[in-house]
Amino acid sequence: MGIKSFNDFTVEQFQQWHKVIKEESDIIDREVKLASILTGKSVEYLESVPYSVLKEVIKRVNKISLTEPSTKGVRFIKVGRKVYSAILNAQDLHGLMSTSQFTAAKTYAANPIENMHLLLPLYYAPYKLFGKQKLAENQLKLAEEFKKVKVGEVYGAVFFYSILWSQFVPILENSLKQATKVMEEIAADGQDSTNHMDGTPPLNG
């Protein structure tokens, strides 16, 4: 078994581990469930092995629990058969996100580990040597692919934005409000022009 720290976990394993820690209060049950995630063996199987074997696995569980995922940003990663590049600049991300993507990211960011696979397609874009970078279109399908990526490769991006998000959200919300206000004013001006095409002066004129 090559897993030595959380960096070696897949995103999905890390999410499962976090869920067990959060929800399982019984120490023994928790350790066995974590051992199941670590080994890929079922809880039932682990409960049937000699205690000496299980004890060694639990030692590894406890050792891994003391580690922390790397917060170093990895710029390029392979997801499936494609290379993706991290968007480690808030302004760049702002320019790439649609309003619906921003709203989704804001919701997902409230629980960054649970929703890590959903956040990552918003933090990484398909790598392009030339031309304008843009986020992938099929976000939900890509999210399933991101579950298979190693935590050590992507945790840095999640960590980066989890720190900036409290500052990032107000800036983006303000920008979206300003854009909405401009569009409403343009629409209102257009409506006003339509109403007075017969030469009738506007009421405030």
Protein backbone atom coordinates (compact mmCIF):
# COMPACT_ATOMS: atom_id res chain seq x y z
CA MET A 1 0.00 0.00 0.00
CA GLY A 2 1.55 3.25 -1.15
CA ILE A 3 -0.56 5.69 0.86
CA LYS A 4 1.62 7.54 3.34
CA SER A 5 -0.29 10.80 3.79
CA PHE A 6 -3.43 12.61 2.69
CA ASN A 7 -1.53 13.76 -0.40
CA ASP A 8 -1.76 10.19 -1.69
CA PHE A 9 -5.52 10.02 -1.26
CA THR A 10 -7.88 10.57 -4.15
CA VAL A 11 -10.32 13.44 -3.70
CA GLU A 12 -13.10 10.90 -3.17
CA GLN A 13 -11.17 9.03 -0.46
CA PHE A 14 -10.39 12.30 1.30
CA GLN A 15 -14.07 13.27 1.24
CA GLN A 16 -15.09 9.87 2.60
CA TRP A 17 -12.48 10.14 5.35
CA HIS A 18 -13.67 13.61 6.32
CA LYS A 19 -17.28 12.42 6.41
CA VAL A 20 -16.44 9.54 8.77
CA ILE A 21 -14.50 11.86 11.08
CA LYS A 22 -17.41 14.27 11.11
CA GLU A 23 -20.25 11.79 11.57
CA GLU A 24 -18.92 8.72 13.42
CA SER A 25 -18.68 9.27 17.17
CA ASP A 26 -17.76 5.70 18.20
CA ILE A 27 -13.95 5.45 18.22
CA ILE A 28 -13.72 1.78 17.23
CA ASP A 29 -16.29 2.04 14.45
CA ARG A 30 -14.59 5.19 13.21
CA GLU A 31 -11.15 3.55 13.06
CA VAL A 32 -12.50 0.52 11.20
CA LYS A 33 -14.32 2.72 8.67
CA LEU A 34 -11.18 4.79 8.14
CA ALA A 35 -9.20 1.57 7.70
CA SER A 36 -11.73 0.55 5.07
CA ILE A 37 -11.15 3.79 3.16
CA LEU A 38 -7.40 3.39 3.45
CA THR A 39 -7.24 -0.22 2.28
CA GLY A 40 -10.20 -0.37 -0.08
CA LYS A 41 -11.47 -3.39 1.87
CA SER A 42 -15.02 -3.57 3.23
CA VAL A 43 -15.78 -2.99 6.90
CA GLU A 44 -17.12 -6.54 7.08
CA TYR A 45 -13.85 -7.95 5.76
CA LEU A 46 -11.73 -5.94 8.20
CA GLU A 47 -13.89 -7.06 11.10
CA SER A 48 -13.20 -10.67 10.13
CA VAL A 49 -9.39 -10.47 9.97
CA PRO A 50 -7.16 -11.27 13.00
CA TYR A 51 -6.94 -8.35 15.40
CA SER A 52 -3.16 -8.23 14.98
CA VAL A 53 -3.64 -7.46 11.27
CA LEU A 54 -6.32 -4.85 11.90
CA LYS A 55 -4.17 -3.27 14.59
CA GLU A 56 -1.37 -2.64 12.09
CA VAL A 57 -3.80 -1.01 9.67
CA ILE A 58 -5.20 1.19 12.43
CA LYS A 59 -1.66 2.29 13.26
CA ARG A 60 -1.37 3.53 9.68
CA VAL A 61 -4.75 5.23 10.00
CA ASN A 62 -3.58 7.13 13.06
CA LYS A 63 -0.29 8.05 11.42
CA ILE A 64 -2.04 9.44 8.33
CA SER A 65 -4.47 11.35 10.55
CA LEU A 66 -1.52 13.39 11.82
CA THR A 67 -0.57 14.57 8.33
CA GLU A 68 -1.86 17.61 6.43
CA PRO A 69 -2.52 17.88 2.69
CA SER A 70 -0.03 20.01 0.81
CA THR A 71 -1.16 23.61 0.34
CA LYS A 72 1.30 24.14 -2.49
CA GLY A 73 -0.47 25.05 -5.71
CA VAL A 74 0.15 22.58 -8.53
CA ARG A 75 -0.31 24.48 -11.79
CA PHE A 76 -0.84 21.61 -14.23
CA ILE A 77 -2.64 18.34 -13.53
CA LYS A 78 -4.01 15.51 -15.65
CA VAL A 79 -7.71 14.74 -15.30
CA GLY A 80 -8.79 11.78 -17.37
CA ARG A 81 -6.95 12.21 -20.66
CA LYS A 82 -6.71 16.00 -20.58
CA VAL A 83 -4.35 18.47 -18.94
CA TYR A 84 -5.88 21.23 -16.81
CA SER A 85 -4.26 24.34 -15.43
CA ALA A 86 -5.08 25.95 -12.10
CA ILE A 87 -6.55 29.44 -12.08
CA LEU A 88 -4.66 30.84 -9.12
CA ASN A 89 -5.64 34.45 -9.68
CA ALA A 90 -8.95 35.76 -8.36
CA GLN A 91 -9.33 38.34 -11.15
CA ASP A 92 -8.73 35.72 -13.83
CA LEU A 93 -11.31 33.45 -12.23
CA HIS A 94 -13.75 36.35 -12.02
CA GLY A 95 -13.37 36.88 -15.76
CA LEU A 96 -14.01 33.22 -16.58
CA MET A 97 -17.01 32.55 -14.35
CA SER A 98 -20.56 33.06 -15.51
CA THR A 99 -23.15 34.32 -13.03
CA SER A 100 -24.52 30.80 -12.56
CA GLN A 101 -21.04 29.38 -12.01
CA PHE A 102 -20.28 32.05 -9.45
CA THR A 103 -23.52 31.30 -7.61
CA ALA A 104 -22.69 27.58 -7.63
CA ALA A 105 -19.12 28.19 -6.44
CA LYS A 106 -20.36 30.39 -3.62
CA THR A 107 -22.70 27.61 -2.47
CA TYR A 108 -20.07 24.86 -2.79
CA ALA A 109 -17.45 26.92 -0.94
CA ALA A 110 -19.51 26.80 2.25
CA ASN A 111 -18.38 23.14 2.55
CA PRO A 112 -15.12 23.00 0.58
CA ILE A 113 -14.10 19.43 1.40
CA GLU A 114 -17.54 17.90 0.90
CA ASN A 115 -17.88 19.79 -2.39
CA MET A 116 -14.24 19.64 -3.46
CA HIS A 117 -14.99 17.68 -6.65
CA LEU A 118 -17.59 20.31 -7.60
CA LEU A 119 -15.29 23.25 -6.87
CA LEU A 120 -12.28 21.93 -8.77
CA PRO A 121 -13.84 22.21 -12.26
CA LEU A 122 -14.33 25.90 -11.41
CA TYR A 123 -10.72 26.34 -10.26
CA TYR A 124 -9.08 24.46 -13.15
CA ALA A 125 -9.56 25.08 -16.87
CA PRO A 126 -8.54 22.90 -19.83
CA TYR A 127 -4.98 23.84 -20.71
CA LYS A 128 -4.56 25.84 -23.91
CA LEU A 129 -1.19 26.80 -25.30
CA PHE A 130 -2.78 29.51 -27.43
CA GLY A 131 -6.08 31.36 -27.26
CA LYS A 132 -8.33 32.46 -24.44
CA GLN A 133 -8.70 30.12 -21.49
CA LYS A 134 -12.22 29.10 -20.51
CA LEU A 135 -13.84 26.77 -18.02
CA ALA A 136 -15.04 23.35 -19.16
CA GLU A 137 -18.67 23.16 -20.22
CA ASN A 138 -19.76 19.84 -18.70
CA GLN A 139 -19.03 20.68 -15.07
CA LEU A 140 -20.89 17.78 -13.43
CA LYS A 141 -19.26 15.13 -15.63
CA LEU A 142 -15.85 16.67 -14.99
CA ALA A 143 -16.56 16.73 -11.25
CA GLU A 144 -16.76 12.92 -11.32
CA GLU A 145 -13.34 12.81 -12.99
CA PHE A 146 -11.87 15.13 -10.36
CA LYS A 147 -12.84 12.60 -7.65
CA LYS A 148 -10.04 10.40 -8.98
CA VAL A 149 -7.31 13.07 -8.77
CA LYS A 150 -4.79 12.97 -5.91
CA VAL A 151 -5.46 15.42 -3.10
CA GLY A 152 -1.82 16.51 -3.05
CA GLU A 153 -2.24 17.88 -6.57
CA VAL A 154 -5.37 19.96 -6.04
CA TYR A 155 -5.71 20.80 -2.35
CA GLY A 156 -3.54 23.89 -2.80
CA ALA A 157 -6.10 25.47 -5.14
CA VAL A 158 -8.96 24.71 -2.74
CA PHE A 159 -6.93 26.06 0.18
CA PHE A 160 -6.03 29.19 -1.80
CA TYR A 161 -9.64 30.05 -2.58
CA SER A 162 -10.96 29.07 0.83
CA ILE A 163 -8.79 31.84 2.24
CA LEU A 164 -9.74 34.38 -0.42
CA TRP A 165 -13.40 33.50 -0.65
CA SER A 166 -14.56 35.77 2.19
CA GLN A 167 -12.93 38.69 0.35
CA PHE A 168 -13.60 37.38 -3.13
CA VAL A 169 -17.38 36.97 -2.77
CA PRO A 170 -18.18 40.61 -1.83
CA ILE A 171 -16.07 41.87 -4.75
CA LEU A 172 -17.82 39.62 -7.25
CA GLU A 173 -21.25 40.30 -5.80
CA ASN A 174 -20.65 44.03 -6.09
CA SER A 175 -19.49 43.61 -9.70
CA LEU A 176 -22.56 41.56 -10.56
CA LYS A 177 -24.85 44.12 -8.90
CA GLN A 178 -23.23 46.92 -10.88
CA ALA A 179 -23.56 44.95 -14.12
CA THR A 180 -27.21 44.20 -13.36
CA LYS A 181 -27.88 47.86 -12.61
CA VAL A 182 -26.32 48.93 -15.92
CA MET A 183 -28.40 46.38 -17.83
CA GLU A 184 -31.57 47.56 -16.09
CA GLU A 185 -30.75 51.17 -16.95
CA ILE A 186 -30.14 50.24 -20.58
CA ALA A 187 -33.44 48.35 -20.68
CA ALA A 188 -35.24 51.28 -19.06
CA ASP A 189 -33.76 53.72 -21.59
CA GLY A 190 -34.85 51.47 -24.41
CA GLN A 191 -38.37 51.27 -23.03
CA ASP A 192 -38.46 55.04 -22.59
CA SER A 193 -37.39 55.57 -26.21
CA THR A 194 -40.10 53.18 -27.41
CA ASN A 195 -42.78 55.01 -25.42
CA HIS A 196 -41.90 58.38 -26.95
CA MET A 197 -41.30 57.50 -30.59
CA ASP A 198 -44.47 59.45 -31.47
CA GLY A 199 -42.77 62.65 -30.38
CA THR A 200 -44.45 62.88 -26.99
CA PRO A 201 -41.88 64.33 -24.57
CA PRO A 202 -40.95 62.24 -21.52
CA LEU A 203 -42.74 63.18 -18.28
CA ASN A 204 -39.51 64.38 -16.68
CA GLY A 205 -38.64 66.42 -19.75
